[in-house]
Amino acid sequence: MTYETRNLDEASFLLYHKLKILKKDDEGGKAVIVFEDSEKLKQKLIDYVNGDSVEPKKFLQAYRSIRDFALKTSKKNTWKSKL
């Protein structure tokens, strides 16, 4: 199973918590970040909705990595961690 999101803030939060990105899909010109589904992912989604706090510098690093990955236009849509 997988979990997909177009929300860069949400994807950044999940990456910040070291959840596994499988790939990026493009749907109608918008990036869809695909994560491996797990119990940890489900709990972190609840934490995200509830406004769980993060360390700003590390979150910004995760956000920039996700943004760059989402905007990448190459044919290679797999994730290589920069964190």
N, C-alpha and C. Protein backbone atom coordinates (compact mmCIF):
# COMPACT_ATOMS: atom_id res chain seq x y z
N MET A 1 0.84 -1.18 0.00
CA MET A 1 0.00 0.00 0.00
C MET A 1 0.89 1.25 0.00
N THR A 2 0.31 2.32 -0.52
CA THR A 2 1.03 3.59 -0.56
C THR A 2 0.11 4.72 -0.10
N TYR A 3 0.73 5.85 0.19
CA TYR A 3 0.00 7.07 0.53
C TYR A 3 0.51 8.16 -0.39
N GLU A 4 -0.40 8.89 -1.03
CA GLU A 4 -0.04 9.94 -1.97
C GLU A 4 -0.49 11.30 -1.46
N THR A 5 0.34 12.32 -1.70
CA THR A 5 -0.03 13.68 -1.35
C THR A 5 0.52 14.66 -2.37
N ARG A 6 -0.23 15.73 -2.59
CA ARG A 6 0.22 16.85 -3.42
C ARG A 6 0.65 18.03 -2.54
N ASN A 7 0.40 17.90 -1.24
CA ASN A 7 0.66 18.98 -0.29
C ASN A 7 2.13 18.94 0.13
N LEU A 8 2.90 19.97 -0.26
CA LEU A 8 4.34 19.99 0.04
C LEU A 8 4.61 20.12 1.53
N ASP A 9 3.77 20.83 2.26
CA ASP A 9 3.95 20.94 3.71
C ASP A 9 3.78 19.58 4.37
N GLU A 10 2.74 18.87 3.97
CA GLU A 10 2.49 17.54 4.52
C GLU A 10 3.62 16.58 4.17
N ALA A 11 4.05 16.60 2.92
CA ALA A 11 5.15 15.73 2.48
C ALA A 11 6.43 16.07 3.24
N SER A 12 6.67 17.35 3.47
CA SER A 12 7.85 17.78 4.22
C SER A 12 7.80 17.27 5.65
N PHE A 13 6.63 17.34 6.26
CA PHE A 13 6.45 16.85 7.62
C PHE A 13 6.74 15.35 7.69
N LEU A 14 6.26 14.60 6.71
CA LEU A 14 6.50 13.16 6.69
C LEU A 14 7.97 12.85 6.45
N LEU A 15 8.61 13.59 5.56
CA LEU A 15 10.04 13.40 5.33
C LEU A 15 10.84 13.77 6.58
N TYR A 16 10.46 14.85 7.23
CA TYR A 16 11.10 15.28 8.47
C TYR A 16 11.13 14.13 9.49
N HIS A 17 10.06 13.35 9.51
CA HIS A 17 9.95 12.22 10.44
C HIS A 17 10.47 10.92 9.82
N LYS A 18 11.24 11.05 8.76
CA LYS A 18 11.97 9.92 8.15
C LYS A 18 11.08 8.84 7.56
N LEU A 19 9.91 9.24 7.05
CA LEU A 19 9.06 8.27 6.37
C LEU A 19 9.58 8.06 4.94
N LYS A 20 9.39 6.88 4.43
CA LYS A 20 10.00 6.49 3.15
C LYS A 20 9.21 6.99 1.95
N ILE A 21 9.89 7.75 1.11
CA ILE A 21 9.33 8.19 -0.17
C ILE A 21 9.64 7.12 -1.21
N LEU A 22 8.63 6.71 -1.94
CA LEU A 22 8.83 5.71 -2.98
C LEU A 22 9.13 6.33 -4.33
N LYS A 23 8.36 7.39 -4.67
CA LYS A 23 8.53 7.99 -5.99
C LYS A 23 7.70 9.26 -6.09
N LYS A 24 7.80 9.90 -7.23
CA LYS A 24 6.97 11.05 -7.57
C LYS A 24 6.22 10.72 -8.84
N ASP A 25 4.93 11.02 -8.86
CA ASP A 25 4.13 10.90 -10.07
C ASP A 25 3.73 12.30 -10.49
N ASP A 26 3.49 12.48 -11.76
CA ASP A 26 2.99 13.75 -12.27
C ASP A 26 1.57 13.54 -12.76
N GLU A 27 0.65 14.32 -12.20
CA GLU A 27 -0.75 14.24 -12.61
C GLU A 27 -1.21 15.63 -13.01
N GLY A 28 -1.42 15.82 -14.29
CA GLY A 28 -1.90 17.11 -14.78
C GLY A 28 -0.96 18.27 -14.46
N GLY A 29 0.34 18.01 -14.52
CA GLY A 29 1.31 19.06 -14.26
C GLY A 29 1.59 19.30 -12.79
N LYS A 30 0.99 18.51 -11.90
CA LYS A 30 1.23 18.65 -10.46
C LYS A 30 1.91 17.39 -9.94
N ALA A 31 2.89 17.61 -9.09
CA ALA A 31 3.63 16.49 -8.52
C ALA A 31 2.81 15.81 -7.43
N VAL A 32 2.86 14.50 -7.43
CA VAL A 32 2.24 13.70 -6.38
C VAL A 32 3.38 12.90 -5.74
N ILE A 33 3.62 13.15 -4.45
CA ILE A 33 4.67 12.45 -3.73
C ILE A 33 4.07 11.18 -3.13
N VAL A 34 4.70 10.05 -3.40
CA VAL A 34 4.17 8.75 -2.98
C VAL A 34 5.05 8.19 -1.86
N PHE A 35 4.42 7.94 -0.71
CA PHE A 35 5.09 7.38 0.46
C PHE A 35 4.68 5.94 0.66
N GLU A 36 5.58 5.18 1.29
CA GLU A 36 5.25 3.82 1.70
C GLU A 36 4.30 3.92 2.89
N ASP A 37 3.19 3.21 2.82
CA ASP A 37 2.19 3.24 3.89
C ASP A 37 2.68 2.41 5.07
N SER A 38 2.43 2.90 6.27
CA SER A 38 2.80 2.18 7.50
C SER A 38 1.99 2.73 8.66
N GLU A 39 2.07 2.05 9.78
CA GLU A 39 1.41 2.55 10.98
C GLU A 39 2.04 3.88 11.43
N LYS A 40 3.37 3.98 11.29
CA LYS A 40 4.05 5.23 11.66
C LYS A 40 3.53 6.38 10.80
N LEU A 41 3.35 6.14 9.50
CA LEU A 41 2.82 7.18 8.62
C LEU A 41 1.44 7.62 9.08
N LYS A 42 0.58 6.68 9.41
CA LYS A 42 -0.77 7.02 9.86
C LYS A 42 -0.73 7.87 11.12
N GLN A 43 0.16 7.53 12.05
CA GLN A 43 0.29 8.31 13.28
C GLN A 43 0.83 9.70 12.99
N LYS A 44 1.79 9.80 12.09
CA LYS A 44 2.37 11.11 11.77
C LYS A 44 1.37 12.00 11.03
N LEU A 45 0.47 11.40 10.25
CA LEU A 45 -0.59 12.20 9.61
C LEU A 45 -1.52 12.79 10.66
N ILE A 46 -1.82 12.02 11.69
CA ILE A 46 -2.64 12.53 12.80
C ILE A 46 -1.89 13.65 13.51
N ASP A 47 -0.59 13.44 13.75
CA ASP A 47 0.23 14.48 14.39
C ASP A 47 0.25 15.75 13.54
N TYR A 48 0.37 15.59 12.23
CA TYR A 48 0.39 16.74 11.31
C TYR A 48 -0.90 17.55 11.41
N VAL A 49 -2.02 16.86 11.37
CA VAL A 49 -3.33 17.52 11.45
C VAL A 49 -3.50 18.22 12.81
N ASN A 50 -2.94 17.62 13.85
CA ASN A 50 -3.04 18.19 15.19
C ASN A 50 -2.00 19.27 15.47
N GLY A 51 -1.18 19.60 14.48
CA GLY A 51 -0.23 20.70 14.63
C GLY A 51 1.00 20.37 15.45
N ASP A 52 1.49 19.14 15.35
CA ASP A 52 2.69 18.73 16.06
C ASP A 52 3.86 19.66 15.72
N SER A 53 4.67 19.97 16.69
CA SER A 53 5.78 20.90 16.46
C SER A 53 6.98 20.18 15.85
N VAL A 54 7.78 20.97 15.14
CA VAL A 54 8.99 20.47 14.50
C VAL A 54 10.12 21.46 14.75
N GLU A 55 11.34 21.00 14.55
CA GLU A 55 12.50 21.89 14.63
C GLU A 55 12.56 22.67 13.32
N PRO A 56 12.47 24.00 13.38
CA PRO A 56 12.34 24.81 12.15
C PRO A 56 13.43 24.58 11.11
N LYS A 57 14.68 24.52 11.50
CA LYS A 57 15.76 24.36 10.51
C LYS A 57 15.68 23.02 9.79
N LYS A 58 15.40 21.97 10.55
CA LYS A 58 15.31 20.64 9.94
C LYS A 58 14.07 20.53 9.05
N PHE A 59 12.96 21.17 9.48
CA PHE A 59 11.76 21.15 8.66
C PHE A 59 12.01 21.90 7.35
N LEU A 60 12.68 23.05 7.43
CA LEU A 60 12.97 23.82 6.23
C LEU A 60 13.85 23.03 5.27
N GLN A 61 14.80 22.29 5.81
CA GLN A 61 15.65 21.44 4.97
C GLN A 61 14.79 20.37 4.27
N ALA A 62 13.88 19.76 5.02
CA ALA A 62 12.99 18.75 4.43
C ALA A 62 12.10 19.39 3.36
N TYR A 63 11.58 20.59 3.65
CA TYR A 63 10.72 21.29 2.69
C TYR A 63 11.47 21.57 1.39
N ARG A 64 12.68 22.08 1.51
CA ARG A 64 13.47 22.38 0.30
C ARG A 64 13.78 21.13 -0.51
N SER A 65 14.06 20.03 0.18
CA SER A 65 14.33 18.77 -0.52
C SER A 65 13.09 18.29 -1.27
N ILE A 66 11.94 18.34 -0.61
CA ILE A 66 10.68 17.93 -1.25
C ILE A 66 10.35 18.86 -2.42
N ARG A 67 10.49 20.15 -2.21
CA ARG A 67 10.18 21.12 -3.27
C ARG A 67 11.05 20.86 -4.50
N ASP A 68 12.35 20.68 -4.28
CA ASP A 68 13.26 20.42 -5.40
C ASP A 68 12.90 19.11 -6.12
N PHE A 69 12.55 18.10 -5.35
CA PHE A 69 12.15 16.81 -5.92
C PHE A 69 10.85 16.96 -6.72
N ALA A 70 9.90 17.70 -6.19
CA ALA A 70 8.61 17.89 -6.85
C ALA A 70 8.75 18.67 -8.15
N LEU A 71 9.68 19.63 -8.18
CA LEU A 71 9.84 20.47 -9.36
C LEU A 71 10.77 19.87 -10.40
N LYS A 72 11.48 18.82 -10.04
CA LYS A 72 12.42 18.18 -10.95
C LYS A 72 11.67 17.65 -12.17
N THR A 73 12.17 17.96 -13.34
CA THR A 73 11.46 17.58 -14.56
C THR A 73 12.08 16.39 -15.29
N SER A 74 13.09 15.79 -14.71
CA SER A 74 13.73 14.66 -15.40
C SER A 74 12.80 13.44 -15.41
N LYS A 75 13.16 12.49 -16.22
CA LYS A 75 12.36 11.26 -16.31
C LYS A 75 12.51 10.40 -15.05
N LYS A 76 13.59 10.62 -14.30
CA LYS A 76 13.84 9.82 -13.11
C LYS A 76 13.04 10.39 -11.95
N ASN A 77 12.03 9.68 -11.51
CA ASN A 77 11.12 10.17 -10.47
C ASN A 77 11.28 9.40 -9.17
N THR A 78 12.49 8.89 -8.91
CA THR A 78 12.72 8.19 -7.65
C THR A 78 13.46 9.10 -6.69
N TRP A 79 13.31 8.82 -5.43
CA TRP A 79 13.85 9.68 -4.36
C TRP A 79 15.24 9.22 -3.94
N LYS A 80 16.15 10.18 -3.81
CA LYS A 80 17.45 9.95 -3.17
C LYS A 80 17.53 10.92 -2.03
N SER A 81 17.63 10.41 -0.83
CA SER A 81 17.60 11.27 0.36
C SER A 81 18.79 12.21 0.40
N LYS A 82 18.50 13.47 0.70
CA LYS A 82 19.53 14.49 0.87
C LYS A 82 19.68 14.86 2.34
N LEU A 83 18.91 14.18 3.20
CA LEU A 83 18.92 14.53 4.62
C LEU A 83 19.86 13.64 5.39
